[in-house]
C-alpha atoms as a PDB file:
ATOM      1  CA  MET A   1       7.416  -3.595 -37.851  1.00  0.00           C
ATOM      2  CA  LYS A   2       9.647  -4.699 -40.720  1.00  0.00           C
ATOM      3  CA  TYR A   3      12.152  -1.998 -39.725  1.00  0.00           C
ATOM      4  CA  PHE A   4      12.369  -3.531 -36.276  1.00  0.00           C
ATOM      5  CA  TYR A   5      13.338  -6.879 -37.767  1.00  0.00           C
ATOM      6  CA  TRP A   6      15.938  -5.221 -39.965  1.00  0.00           C
ATOM      7  CA  PHE A   7      17.311  -3.468 -36.895  1.00  0.00           C
ATOM      8  CA  ILE A   8      17.610  -6.813 -35.099  1.00  0.00           C
ATOM      9  CA  ILE A   9      19.339  -8.375 -38.109  1.00  0.00           C
ATOM     10  CA  VAL A  10      21.808  -5.471 -38.329  1.00  0.00           C
ATOM     11  CA  ILE A  11      22.525  -5.625 -34.602  1.00  0.00           C
ATOM     12  CA  PHE A  12      23.173  -9.363 -34.763  1.00  0.00           C
ATOM     13  CA  ALA A  13      25.365  -8.936 -37.831  1.00  0.00           C
ATOM     14  CA  LEU A  14      27.364  -6.377 -35.870  1.00  0.00           C
ATOM     15  CA  SER A  15      27.593  -8.720 -32.882  1.00  0.00           C
ATOM     16  CA  ILE A  16      28.872 -11.553 -35.074  1.00  0.00           C
ATOM     17  CA  THR A  17      31.527  -9.404 -36.723  1.00  0.00           C
ATOM     18  CA  THR A  18      32.641  -7.717 -33.512  1.00  0.00           C
ATOM     19  CA  GLY A  19      32.327 -10.696 -31.168  1.00  0.00           C
ATOM     20  CA  TYR A  20      29.720 -11.472 -28.545  1.00  0.00           C
ATOM     21  CA  ALA A  21      30.860  -8.784 -26.196  1.00  0.00           C
ATOM     22  CA  GLN A  22      33.218  -5.957 -27.020  1.00  0.00           C
ATOM     23  CA  LYS A  23      34.635  -3.370 -24.676  1.00  0.00           C
ATOM     24  CA  SER A  24      33.191   0.007 -25.542  1.00  0.00           C
ATOM     25  CA  ASP A  25      35.455   2.589 -27.137  1.00  0.00           C
ATOM     26  CA  LYS A  26      34.218   6.139 -27.404  1.00  0.00           C
ATOM     27  CA  GLY A  27      31.251   6.133 -29.750  1.00  0.00           C
ATOM     28  CA  ALA A  28      31.410   2.390 -30.405  1.00  0.00           C
ATOM     29  CA  ILE A  29      28.419   0.218 -29.689  1.00  0.00           C
ATOM     30  CA  SER A  30      29.063  -2.866 -27.630  1.00  0.00           C
ATOM     31  CA  ILE A  31      26.678  -5.777 -27.696  1.00  0.00           C
ATOM     32  CA  GLY A  32      26.343  -8.874 -25.573  1.00  0.00           C
ATOM     33  CA  VAL A  33      24.391 -12.025 -26.210  1.00  0.00           C
ATOM     34  CA  VAL A  34      23.062 -14.320 -23.504  1.00  0.00           C
ATOM     35  CA  ASP A  35      21.314 -17.684 -23.767  1.00  0.00           C
ATOM     36  CA  VAL A  36      18.544 -17.242 -21.207  1.00  0.00           C
ATOM     37  CA  GLU A  37      17.293 -20.793 -21.730  1.00  0.00           C
ATOM     38  CA  THR A  38      20.674 -22.224 -20.696  1.00  0.00           C
ATOM     39  CA  ILE A  39      20.752 -19.993 -17.617  1.00  0.00           C
ATOM     40  CA  VAL A  40      17.226 -20.954 -16.554  1.00  0.00           C
ATOM     41  CA  LYS A  41      17.943 -24.672 -17.024  1.00  0.00           C
ATOM     42  CA  GLU A  42      20.766 -24.342 -14.496  1.00  0.00           C
ATOM     43  CA  LEU A  43      18.835 -22.478 -11.781  1.00  0.00           C
ATOM     44  CA  PRO A  44      17.662 -24.777  -8.968  1.00  0.00           C
ATOM     45  CA  GLU A  45      14.553 -22.679  -8.343  1.00  0.00           C
ATOM     46  CA  ALA A  46      13.590 -22.894 -12.031  1.00  0.00           C
ATOM     47  CA  ILE A  47      14.086 -26.665 -12.014  1.00  0.00           C
ATOM     48  CA  ALA A  48      11.955 -26.974  -8.867  1.00  0.00           C
ATOM     49  CA  ALA A  49       9.241 -24.702 -10.321  1.00  0.00           C
ATOM     50  CA  ASP A  50       9.179 -26.714 -13.544  1.00  0.00           C
ATOM     51  CA  LYS A  51       8.728 -29.952 -11.595  1.00  0.00           C
ATOM     52  CA  LEU A  52       5.935 -28.481  -9.453  1.00  0.00           C
ATOM     53  CA  LEU A  53       4.126 -27.181 -12.534  1.00  0.00           C
ATOM     54  CA  LYS A  54       4.461 -30.507 -14.347  1.00  0.00           C
ATOM     55  CA  ASP A  55       3.188 -32.391 -11.290  1.00  0.00           C
ATOM     56  CA  LEU A  56       0.260 -29.999 -10.877  1.00  0.00           C
ATOM     57  CA  GLY A  57      -0.568 -30.243 -14.588  1.00  0.00           C
ATOM     58  CA  GLN A  58      -0.500 -34.044 -14.388  1.00  0.00           C
ATOM     59  CA  LYS A  59      -2.796 -33.991 -11.356  1.00  0.00           C
ATOM     60  CA  TYR A  60      -5.297 -31.857 -13.298  1.00  0.00           C
ATOM     61  CA  ARG A  61      -5.043 -34.073 -16.398  1.00  0.00           C
ATOM     62  CA  ASP A  62      -5.724 -37.109 -14.190  1.00  0.00           C
ATOM     63  CA  THR A  63      -8.847 -35.415 -12.839  1.00  0.00           C
ATOM     64  CA  LEU A  64      -9.996 -34.621 -16.380  1.00  0.00           C
ATOM     65  CA  MET A  65      -9.469 -38.271 -17.321  1.00  0.00           C
ATOM     66  CA  LEU A  66     -11.737 -39.264 -14.413  1.00  0.00           C
ATOM     67  CA  PHE A  67     -14.424 -36.880 -15.707  1.00  0.00           C
ATOM     68  CA  GLN A  68     -14.024 -38.388 -19.172  1.00  0.00           C
ATOM     69  CA  LYS A  69     -14.285 -41.931 -17.811  1.00  0.00           C
ATOM     70  CA  GLU A  70     -17.369 -41.022 -15.773  1.00  0.00           C
ATOM     71  CA  TYR A  71     -18.968 -39.503 -18.864  1.00  0.00           C
ATOM     72  CA  ASN A  72     -18.094 -42.457 -21.093  1.00  0.00           C
ATOM     73  CA  ASP A  73     -19.390 -44.993 -18.551  1.00  0.00           C
ATOM     74  CA  LYS A  74     -22.681 -43.114 -18.058  1.00  0.00           C
ATOM     75  CA  TYR A  75     -23.086 -42.584 -21.798  1.00  0.00           C
ATOM     76  CA  GLU A  76     -22.553 -46.286 -22.544  1.00  0.00           C
ATOM     77  CA  GLN A  77     -25.059 -47.220 -19.844  1.00  0.00           C
ATOM     78  CA  PHE A  78     -27.531 -44.644 -21.149  1.00  0.00           C
ATOM     79  CA  ASP A  79     -27.053 -45.787 -24.766  1.00  0.00           C
ATOM     80  CA  LYS A  80     -27.767 -49.406 -23.820  1.00  0.00           C
ATOM     81  CA  GLN A  81     -30.885 -48.572 -21.807  1.00  0.00           C
ATOM     82  CA  LYS A  82     -32.445 -45.652 -23.667  1.00  0.00           C
ATOM     83  CA  ALA A  83     -34.636 -47.893 -25.829  1.00  0.00           C
ATOM     84  CA  MET A  84     -36.395 -49.053 -22.658  1.00  0.00           C
ATOM     85  CA  MET A  85     -36.655 -45.590 -21.071  1.00  0.00           C
ATOM     86  CA  ALA A  86     -39.554 -43.196 -21.008  1.00  0.00           C
ATOM     87  CA  ALA A  87     -39.129 -39.805 -22.739  1.00  0.00           C
ATOM     88  CA  ASP A  88     -38.824 -37.913 -19.450  1.00  0.00           C
ATOM     89  CA  GLN A  89     -36.200 -40.361 -18.223  1.00  0.00           C
ATOM     90  CA  ILE A  90     -34.215 -39.962 -21.497  1.00  0.00           C
ATOM     91  CA  LYS A  91     -34.387 -36.196 -21.053  1.00  0.00           C
ATOM     92  CA  LYS A  92     -33.204 -36.474 -17.436  1.00  0.00           C
ATOM     93  CA  GLU A  93     -30.250 -38.727 -18.382  1.00  0.00           C
ATOM     94  CA  GLY A  94     -29.345 -36.369 -21.230  1.00  0.00           C
ATOM     95  CA  GLU A  95     -29.275 -33.491 -18.754  1.00  0.00           C
ATOM     96  CA  ASN A  96     -27.076 -35.527 -16.396  1.00  0.00           C
ATOM     97  CA  LEU A  97     -24.642 -36.218 -19.243  1.00  0.00           C
ATOM     98  CA  ARG A  98     -24.640 -32.541 -20.197  1.00  0.00           C
ATOM     99  CA  ALA A  99     -23.928 -31.616 -16.548  1.00  0.00           C
ATOM    100  CA  ILE A 100     -20.828 -33.849 -16.614  1.00  0.00           C
ATOM    101  CA  GLU A 101     -19.704 -32.160 -19.865  1.00  0.00           C
ATOM    102  CA  VAL A 102     -20.169 -28.711 -18.313  1.00  0.00           C
ATOM    103  CA  LYS A 103     -18.294 -29.807 -15.187  1.00  0.00           C
ATOM    104  CA  PHE A 104     -15.445 -31.103 -17.407  1.00  0.00           C
ATOM    105  CA  GLN A 105     -15.268 -27.888 -19.443  1.00  0.00           C
ATOM    106  CA  LYS A 106     -15.445 -25.669 -16.364  1.00  0.00           C
ATOM    107  CA  PHE A 107     -12.660 -27.606 -14.629  1.00  0.00           C
ATOM    108  CA  GLN A 108     -10.532 -27.520 -17.778  1.00  0.00           C
ATOM    109  CA  GLU A 109     -10.943 -23.744 -18.121  1.00  0.00           C
ATOM    110  CA  GLU A 110     -10.320 -23.113 -14.397  1.00  0.00           C
ATOM    111  CA  LYS A 111      -7.109 -25.150 -14.418  1.00  0.00           C
ATOM    112  CA  PHE A 112      -5.695 -24.883 -17.969  1.00  0.00           C
ATOM    113  CA  GLY A 113      -7.276 -21.713 -19.351  1.00  0.00           C
ATOM    114  CA  VAL A 114      -5.452 -18.478 -20.089  1.00  0.00           C
ATOM    115  CA  GLN A 115      -6.429 -17.143 -16.660  1.00  0.00           C
ATOM    116  CA  GLY A 116      -6.506 -20.613 -15.106  1.00  0.00           C
ATOM    117  CA  GLU A 117      -4.776 -21.825 -12.002  1.00  0.00           C
ATOM    118  CA  LEU A 118      -1.855 -23.364 -13.887  1.00  0.00           C
ATOM    119  CA  ALA A 119      -1.144 -20.084 -15.728  1.00  0.00           C
ATOM    120  CA  VAL A 120      -1.397 -18.125 -12.474  1.00  0.00           C
ATOM    121  CA  ARG A 121       0.940 -20.523 -10.679  1.00  0.00           C
ATOM    122  CA  ARG A 122       3.398 -20.466 -13.603  1.00  0.00           C
ATOM    123  CA  GLU A 123       3.533 -16.664 -13.444  1.00  0.00           C
ATOM    124  CA  GLU A 124       3.857 -16.813  -9.654  1.00  0.00           C
ATOM    125  CA  PHE A 125       6.876 -19.148  -9.952  1.00  0.00           C
ATOM    126  CA  LEU A 126       8.503 -17.448 -12.935  1.00  0.00           C
ATOM    127  CA  LYS A 127       8.264 -13.815 -11.855  1.00  0.00           C
ATOM    128  CA  PRO A 128      11.068 -13.990  -9.235  1.00  0.00           C
ATOM    129  CA  ILE A 129      13.201 -16.138 -11.571  1.00  0.00           C
ATOM    130  CA  ARG A 130      12.815 -13.627 -14.432  1.00  0.00           C
ATOM    131  CA  GLU A 131      13.657 -10.793 -12.055  1.00  0.00           C
ATOM    132  CA  LYS A 132      16.768 -12.607 -10.816  1.00  0.00           C
ATOM    133  CA  VAL A 133      17.980 -13.255 -14.383  1.00  0.00           C
ATOM    134  CA  ARG A 134      17.170  -9.684 -15.479  1.00  0.00           C
ATOM    135  CA  THR A 135      19.067  -8.221 -12.527  1.00  0.00           C
ATOM    136  CA  ALA A 136      22.096 -10.416 -13.223  1.00  0.00           C
ATOM    137  CA  ILE A 137      22.073  -9.532 -16.931  1.00  0.00           C
ATOM    138  CA  GLU A 138      21.880  -5.837 -16.112  1.00  0.00           C
ATOM    139  CA  ALA A 139      24.770  -6.109 -13.621  1.00  0.00           C
ATOM    140  CA  VAL A 140      27.016  -8.012 -16.045  1.00  0.00           C
ATOM    141  CA  ALA A 141      26.125  -5.603 -18.871  1.00  0.00           C
ATOM    142  CA  LYS A 142      27.148  -2.647 -16.720  1.00  0.00           C
ATOM    143  CA  ASP A 143      30.342  -4.401 -15.565  1.00  0.00           C
ATOM    144  CA  GLU A 144      31.263  -5.232 -19.173  1.00  0.00           C
ATOM    145  CA  LYS A 145      30.180  -1.762 -20.356  1.00  0.00           C
ATOM    146  CA  LEU A 146      27.727  -3.207 -22.860  1.00  0.00           C
ATOM    147  CA  ASN A 147      25.171  -0.971 -24.544  1.00  0.00           C
ATOM    148  CA  PHE A 148      22.786  -3.788 -25.487  1.00  0.00           C
ATOM    149  CA  VAL A 149      22.226  -7.423 -24.520  1.00  0.00           C
ATOM    150  CA  PHE A 150      20.092  -9.763 -26.638  1.00  0.00           C
ATOM    151  CA  ASP A 151      18.717 -13.208 -25.917  1.00  0.00           C
ATOM    152  CA  LYS A 152      20.587 -15.631 -28.123  1.00  0.00           C
ATOM    153  CA  GLY A 153      17.570 -17.911 -28.546  1.00  0.00           C
ATOM    154  CA  SER A 154      14.854 -15.379 -29.325  1.00  0.00           C
ATOM    155  CA  SER A 155      16.554 -12.174 -30.492  1.00  0.00           C
ATOM    156  CA  ALA A 156      14.745 -10.299 -27.720  1.00  0.00           C
ATOM    157  CA  LEU A 157      16.381  -7.203 -26.293  1.00  0.00           C
ATOM    158  CA  LEU A 158      17.106  -7.941 -22.634  1.00  0.00           C
ATOM    159  CA  TYR A 159      19.050  -4.839 -21.680  1.00  0.00           C
ATOM    160  CA  SER A 160      19.782  -1.431 -23.128  1.00  0.00           C
ATOM    161  CA  GLU A 161      21.509   1.564 -21.672  1.00  0.00           C
ATOM    162  CA  GLY A 162      19.116   4.286 -20.649  1.00  0.00           C
ATOM    163  CA  LYS A 163      20.906   6.780 -22.896  1.00  0.00           C
ATOM    164  CA  SER A 164      20.080   4.555 -25.889  1.00  0.00           C
ATOM    165  CA  ASP A 165      16.325   5.105 -25.460  1.00  0.00           C
ATOM    166  CA  ILE A 166      15.284   7.729 -27.996  1.00  0.00           C
ATOM    167  CA  THR A 167      11.525   7.391 -27.451  1.00  0.00           C
ATOM    168  CA  TYR A 168      10.964  10.988 -26.360  1.00  0.00           C
ATOM    169  CA  ARG A 169      13.253  12.421 -29.040  1.00  0.00           C
ATOM    170  CA  VAL A 170      11.214  10.547 -31.677  1.00  0.00           C
ATOM    171  CA  LEU A 171       7.959  11.679 -30.085  1.00  0.00           C
ATOM    172  CA  ASP A 172       9.191  15.292 -30.024  1.00  0.00           C
ATOM    173  CA  LYS A 173      10.168  15.087 -33.699  1.00  0.00           C
ATOM    174  CA  ILE A 174       6.711  13.739 -34.605  1.00  0.00           C
ATOM    175  CA  LYS A 175       4.946  16.415 -32.574  1.00  0.00           C
ATOM    176  CA  ARG A 176       6.994  19.131 -34.310  1.00  0.00           C
ATOM    177  CA  GLY A 177       5.943  17.627 -37.646  1.00  0.00           C
ATOM    178  CA  GLU A 178       9.492  16.892 -38.764  1.00  0.00           C
ATOM    179  CA  LYS A 179      10.439  13.983 -40.984  1.00  0.00           C
END
């Protein structure tokens, strides 16, 4: 993994010394850098998706606050009256409070969890935006005859020429037992 980071550092050093995008001469590597965050901030569909997701998230947080208020109110009432309650009544109220906690946790997981509705909706909104940006990056890279394009903000490789992929050559070398 450390070699990957060194590769990224070398590539960025090359991009700084040769400019952000350089026309390819024979054998020369040309690199482009794009700030995906800036692009996404300018796309109307990304702005609309962000607003919808924020609104939906706020709606869910409001619902969670109602659960919390309901729990707090019932707990306060229970705490004040439990000294005068029978054991079975205390047990029943404890179960009711636990049911509210479970309802809260279940709602939170369904809406905010890794596989929750908000995550699903985010992916649903972002997939076409990512595809649009990827397609545009690929088209500009081909027009500019760039071999590689990196994201300026994250150092992620966004585009590489197919001929630059040496995966199967490396695999072949390993299978043949060569160093």
